[in-house]
Amino acid sequence: MPRSPRLFPLLLLLLPPLAAGLGTRGAGGRRPECGPCSPERCPAPGRCAAPGIAARDECGCCARCLGPEGARCGGRAGTRCGPGLVCASRAAGTAPEGTGLCVCAQRGAVCGSDGRSYPSVCALRLRAQHAPRAHPGHLHKARDGPCEFAPVVVLPPRSVHNVTGTQAHLSCKVRAVPAPVITWRKVTQSPEGTQVLEDLPGDHVNIAVQVQGGPSDHEARAWILIHPLRKEDEGVYQCHSANVVGEAQSHGTVTVTDLSKYQAPRFPAPGS
């Protein structure tokens, strides 16, 4: 029996609300517990930590924030992670509700075209969404790894004062990418009055130097120990750091008091 043509207009009237109710959840279909979408019943949207990655809830109806890198995720109370992010558990095995963190699927720091280092390519993309746009593609990944920069003295050596026979200790902390070469030098004057830099420890048996990386990323710390301290060790000491980008230096002064000049004179014992 042929269908009545009167049914087609009725079907066309039913299709729009039916299509609106078929919200999607990722690549899958609408959740069975999702009812008809009523935007007026949606909770007032809060302030998203990353407004540029706002989206819809699991039912495809109400506005919902997507978690930026470092946001809590997982479980019913957790946030869905933004694009390019995955929800990683902070504990081994299956993550309990709300115990995961949104992390970038592509791990590792990157260098942006603006000369700044970003902890991940996801952080760079988020920055690009909010930065003023000079032209399309204005901010992009320049290369993997942090941006290179010349050494910067974070903690310069402090000047010290001590007496002969004791010890003097100087240290400095430097940040740089790539890792710098740090050396200690003593600043002296030649007979002609020009500045002379003496690399240490050299032939000084009472001087030891040490360089160690850390504690933070791209940082290095250097020490110099003078023991026992002599009067001729007095002077200005330079902490010099250099890499392929540039160099930096800072200075500390060691002042030595000759203790022998202040020793009490010895008198002969009576009757000797």
Protein backbone atom coordinates (compact mmCIF):
# COMPACT_ATOMS: atom_id res chain seq x y z
CA MET A 1 0.00 0.00 0.00
CA PRO A 2 1.58 3.36 -0.98
CA ARG A 3 2.41 5.86 1.81
CA SER A 4 0.24 8.92 2.05
CA PRO A 5 1.99 12.12 0.97
CA ARG A 6 0.43 13.86 3.97
CA LEU A 7 2.94 12.09 6.27
CA PHE A 8 6.02 13.83 4.76
CA PRO A 9 5.25 17.35 6.07
CA LEU A 10 4.65 15.85 9.49
CA LEU A 11 8.02 14.09 9.41
CA LEU A 12 9.78 17.28 8.32
CA LEU A 13 8.32 19.11 11.33
CA LEU A 14 9.61 16.44 13.69
CA LEU A 15 13.15 16.29 12.29
CA PRO A 16 14.56 19.61 13.70
CA PRO A 17 13.79 18.92 17.38
CA LEU A 18 14.89 15.34 16.90
CA ALA A 19 18.21 16.44 15.43
CA ALA A 20 18.72 18.99 18.19
CA GLY A 21 18.25 16.30 20.79
CA LEU A 22 20.91 14.07 19.23
CA GLY A 23 23.88 15.82 20.81
CA THR A 24 27.21 14.12 20.43
CA ARG A 25 29.67 13.00 23.06
CA GLY A 26 33.07 13.00 21.40
CA ALA A 27 32.97 10.51 18.59
CA GLY A 28 30.12 8.50 20.17
CA GLY A 29 26.41 9.08 20.47
CA ARG A 30 24.35 10.92 23.04
CA ARG A 31 24.30 9.51 26.54
CA PRO A 32 21.14 7.54 27.37
CA GLU A 33 20.54 9.62 30.53
CA CYS A 34 20.61 12.90 28.61
CA GLY A 35 17.14 14.37 28.14
CA PRO A 36 16.06 17.11 25.74
CA CYS A 37 18.41 20.08 25.76
CA SER A 38 16.98 23.01 27.74
CA PRO A 39 19.57 25.81 27.76
CA GLU A 40 17.48 27.82 30.24
CA ARG A 41 18.00 25.06 32.82
CA CYS A 42 21.79 25.05 32.45
CA PRO A 43 23.77 26.35 35.45
CA ALA A 44 25.30 29.78 35.08
CA PRO A 45 28.71 29.31 33.43
CA GLY A 46 31.60 30.04 35.74
CA ARG A 47 34.84 31.81 34.87
CA CYS A 48 36.95 29.37 32.89
CA ALA A 49 40.63 29.16 33.76
CA ALA A 50 41.27 28.95 30.02
CA PRO A 51 38.37 30.69 28.24
CA GLY A 52 39.80 29.85 24.85
CA ILE A 53 38.99 26.14 25.25
CA ALA A 54 35.41 26.28 26.53
CA ALA A 55 33.06 23.58 25.19
CA ARG A 56 29.79 21.75 25.89
CA ASP A 57 29.03 19.16 28.54
CA GLU A 58 28.70 15.41 27.94
CA CYS A 59 25.12 15.90 26.70
CA GLY A 60 26.19 18.58 24.23
CA CYS A 61 23.88 21.15 25.79
CA CYS A 62 25.30 23.31 28.59
CA ALA A 63 28.49 25.36 28.37
CA ARG A 64 31.35 23.83 30.32
CA CYS A 65 34.98 24.68 30.84
CA LEU A 66 37.63 22.34 29.57
CA GLY A 67 40.61 21.87 31.86
CA PRO A 68 43.91 23.54 30.97
CA GLU A 69 47.24 21.90 31.60
CA GLY A 70 47.58 21.06 35.32
CA ALA A 71 43.81 21.07 36.05
CA ARG A 72 42.18 18.23 37.99
CA CYS A 73 40.34 15.69 35.88
CA GLY A 74 38.81 12.24 35.98
CA GLY A 75 35.64 10.93 37.56
CA ARG A 76 32.27 12.63 37.71
CA ALA A 77 33.59 15.59 39.71
CA GLY A 78 36.63 16.06 37.52
CA THR A 79 37.03 18.33 34.51
CA ARG A 80 37.38 17.18 30.95
CA CYS A 81 40.78 18.09 29.55
CA GLY A 82 41.18 20.52 26.68
CA PRO A 83 42.40 19.64 23.18
CA GLY A 84 45.82 18.06 23.03
CA LEU A 85 45.64 17.10 26.73
CA VAL A 86 45.11 13.74 28.40
CA CYS A 87 43.95 12.93 31.93
CA ALA A 88 46.85 11.20 33.70
CA SER A 89 46.52 9.59 37.11
CA ARG A 90 48.78 10.78 39.91
CA ALA A 91 48.70 7.27 41.38
CA ALA A 92 49.48 3.90 39.89
CA GLY A 93 46.53 1.98 38.46
CA THR A 94 43.07 3.36 37.91
CA ALA A 95 42.72 6.94 39.12
CA PRO A 96 40.10 7.53 41.83
CA GLU A 97 37.53 10.22 41.20
CA GLY A 98 39.06 13.66 40.70
CA THR A 99 42.65 12.55 41.29
CA GLY A 100 43.98 12.92 37.75
CA LEU A 101 45.75 15.89 36.17
CA CYS A 102 45.45 17.24 32.64
CA VAL A 103 48.84 16.85 30.98
CA CYS A 104 49.99 17.55 27.47
CA ALA A 105 50.00 14.50 25.23
CA GLN A 106 53.29 15.79 23.76
CA ARG A 107 55.70 15.99 26.67
CA GLY A 108 58.72 18.25 26.91
CA ALA A 109 59.52 21.95 26.88
CA VAL A 110 59.47 23.88 23.61
CA CYS A 111 60.87 27.18 22.39
CA GLY A 112 58.32 29.61 20.94
CA SER A 113 58.83 31.96 18.03
CA ASP A 114 58.63 34.81 20.58
CA GLY A 115 61.89 33.65 22.17
CA ARG A 116 60.18 32.35 25.32
CA SER A 117 60.36 28.81 26.70
CA TYR A 118 57.11 26.94 27.38
CA PRO A 119 56.71 23.81 29.54
CA SER A 120 54.87 22.08 26.68
CA VAL A 121 53.52 22.69 23.20
CA CYS A 122 50.02 22.80 24.76
CA ALA A 123 51.04 25.78 26.91
CA LEU A 124 52.38 27.51 23.81
CA ARG A 125 49.13 26.93 21.90
CA LEU A 126 47.09 28.32 24.79
CA ARG A 127 49.32 31.39 24.90
CA ALA A 128 48.87 31.86 21.15
CA GLN A 129 45.08 31.91 21.57
CA HIS A 130 45.22 34.82 24.02
CA ALA A 131 48.18 36.79 22.67
CA PRO A 132 47.50 39.79 20.39
CA ARG A 133 47.59 38.52 16.83
CA ALA A 134 49.83 40.44 14.48
CA HIS A 135 49.23 37.91 11.71
CA PRO A 136 48.08 34.27 11.38
CA GLY A 137 50.63 31.89 12.85
CA HIS A 138 52.30 34.74 14.74
CA LEU A 139 53.23 32.47 17.66
CA HIS A 140 54.40 28.96 16.89
CA LYS A 141 56.94 26.38 18.00
CA ALA A 142 60.43 27.34 16.90
CA ARG A 143 62.08 24.13 18.07
CA ASP A 144 61.90 21.38 20.68
CA GLY A 145 63.53 22.09 24.02
CA PRO A 146 63.85 25.39 25.89
CA CYS A 147 65.04 28.55 24.16
CA GLU A 148 68.75 29.24 24.36
CA PHE A 149 69.87 32.24 26.37
CA ALA A 150 73.13 33.69 27.66
CA PRO A 151 74.19 33.08 31.27
CA VAL A 152 72.43 35.11 33.95
CA VAL A 153 73.93 35.36 37.44
CA VAL A 154 71.13 34.44 39.84
CA LEU A 155 73.20 34.51 43.03
CA PRO A 156 76.49 36.47 42.95
CA PRO A 157 79.34 35.69 45.38
CA ARG A 158 79.31 37.53 48.70
CA SER A 159 82.41 39.25 49.99
CA VAL A 160 83.98 37.57 53.03
CA HIS A 161 86.42 38.59 55.78
CA ASN A 162 88.50 36.18 57.85
CA VAL A 163 91.86 35.78 59.52
CA THR A 164 94.93 33.86 58.40
CA GLY A 165 94.93 30.15 59.11
CA THR A 166 91.15 29.80 58.71
CA GLN A 167 89.15 29.43 55.48
CA ALA A 168 87.16 31.52 53.00
CA HIS A 169 84.28 30.25 50.89
CA LEU A 170 82.62 31.90 47.87
CA SER A 171 79.78 30.63 45.65
CA CYS A 172 77.68 31.79 42.70
CA LYS A 173 74.59 30.46 40.90
CA VAL A 174 74.00 30.86 37.15
CA ARG A 175 71.08 30.11 34.78
CA ALA A 176 71.71 29.45 31.09
CA VAL A 177 70.71 27.28 28.10
CA PRO A 178 72.76 25.44 27.03
CA ALA A 179 74.57 24.69 30.29
CA PRO A 180 77.41 27.17 30.88
CA VAL A 181 81.07 26.57 31.64
CA ILE A 182 81.84 28.23 34.99
CA THR A 183 85.36 29.14 36.08
CA TRP A 184 86.86 31.07 38.98
CA ARG A 185 89.51 33.73 38.46
CA LYS A 186 91.47 36.03 40.71
CA VAL A 187 91.66 39.64 39.55
CA THR A 188 95.17 41.08 39.97
CA GLN A 189 97.22 43.98 38.63
CA SER A 190 100.28 43.70 36.45
CA PRO A 191 103.35 45.89 37.15
CA GLU A 192 102.14 48.08 34.29
CA GLY A 193 98.77 48.57 36.03
CA THR A 194 96.66 46.48 33.67
CA GLN A 195 94.11 43.96 34.91
CA VAL A 196 95.21 40.32 34.96
CA LEU A 197 92.84 37.37 35.37
CA GLU A 198 94.41 34.30 36.96
CA ASP A 199 92.53 31.02 36.39
CA LEU A 200 92.01 29.04 39.57
CA PRO A 201 93.00 26.80 41.21
CA GLY A 202 96.19 26.88 39.12
CA ASP A 203 99.23 26.03 41.27
CA HIS A 204 97.54 27.06 44.53
CA VAL A 205 97.53 23.99 46.78
CA ASN A 206 95.23 25.74 49.27
CA ILE A 207 92.45 26.47 46.72
CA ALA A 208 89.76 24.05 45.48
CA VAL A 209 86.91 24.73 43.03
CA GLN A 210 83.74 22.75 42.29
CA VAL A 211 80.84 23.09 39.83
CA GLN A 212 77.49 21.30 40.15
CA GLY A 213 74.24 21.43 38.17
CA GLY A 214 70.87 22.26 39.77
CA PRO A 215 68.93 22.36 41.95
CA SER A 216 66.52 23.87 39.39
CA ASP A 217 66.48 23.18 35.67
CA HIS A 218 69.09 25.03 33.60
CA GLU A 219 70.93 26.20 36.73
CA ALA A 220 74.50 25.58 37.82
CA ARG A 221 76.34 26.48 41.00
CA ALA A 222 80.08 26.95 41.52
CA TRP A 223 82.14 27.11 44.73
CA ILE A 224 85.67 28.10 45.61
CA LEU A 225 87.29 27.17 48.94
CA ILE A 226 90.52 28.73 50.20
CA HIS A 227 92.09 26.84 53.13
CA PRO A 228 94.28 27.64 54.94
CA LEU A 229 93.82 31.32 54.29
CA ARG A 230 96.96 33.39 53.76
CA LYS A 231 97.46 37.12 53.54
CA GLU A 232 98.40 36.87 49.86
CA ASP A 233 94.98 35.27 49.13
CA GLU A 234 93.34 38.64 49.74
CA GLY A 235 91.76 40.21 46.65
CA VAL A 236 88.88 40.16 44.19
CA TYR A 237 87.58 36.83 42.86
CA GLN A 238 85.52 36.54 39.67
CA CYS A 239 82.87 33.91 38.90
CA HIS A 240 82.86 33.72 35.09
CA SER A 241 80.24 31.78 33.09
CA ALA A 242 79.92 31.34 29.32
CA ASN A 243 78.03 29.34 26.68
CA VAL A 244 77.55 29.62 22.92
CA VAL A 245 75.08 32.52 23.37
CA GLY A 246 77.09 34.81 25.64
CA GLU A 247 78.84 35.23 28.97
CA ALA A 248 78.43 36.84 32.39
CA GLN A 249 80.58 37.44 35.44
CA SER A 250 80.22 38.58 39.03
CA HIS A 251 82.76 39.39 41.72
CA GLY A 252 83.35 38.88 45.41
CA THR A 253 86.12 40.24 47.63
CA VAL A 254 88.15 38.26 50.15
CA THR A 255 89.67 40.33 52.95
CA VAL A 256 92.32 38.68 55.15
CA THR A 257 93.58 39.89 58.50
CA ASP A 258 97.10 38.73 59.35
CA LEU A 259 96.64 37.19 62.79
CA SER A 260 100.40 37.10 63.49
CA LYS A 261 100.43 40.89 63.83
CA TYR A 262 98.01 40.73 66.73
CA GLN A 263 99.58 37.93 68.74
CA ALA A 264 100.62 38.91 72.24
CA PRO A 265 104.41 39.19 72.70
CA ARG A 266 106.07 36.41 74.66
CA PHE A 267 108.08 37.44 77.69
CA PRO A 268 110.78 35.24 79.21
CA ALA A 269 109.73 33.36 82.31
CA PRO A 270 111.01 34.80 85.62
CA GLY A 271 114.41 33.44 86.68
CA SER A 272 115.29 32.22 83.17
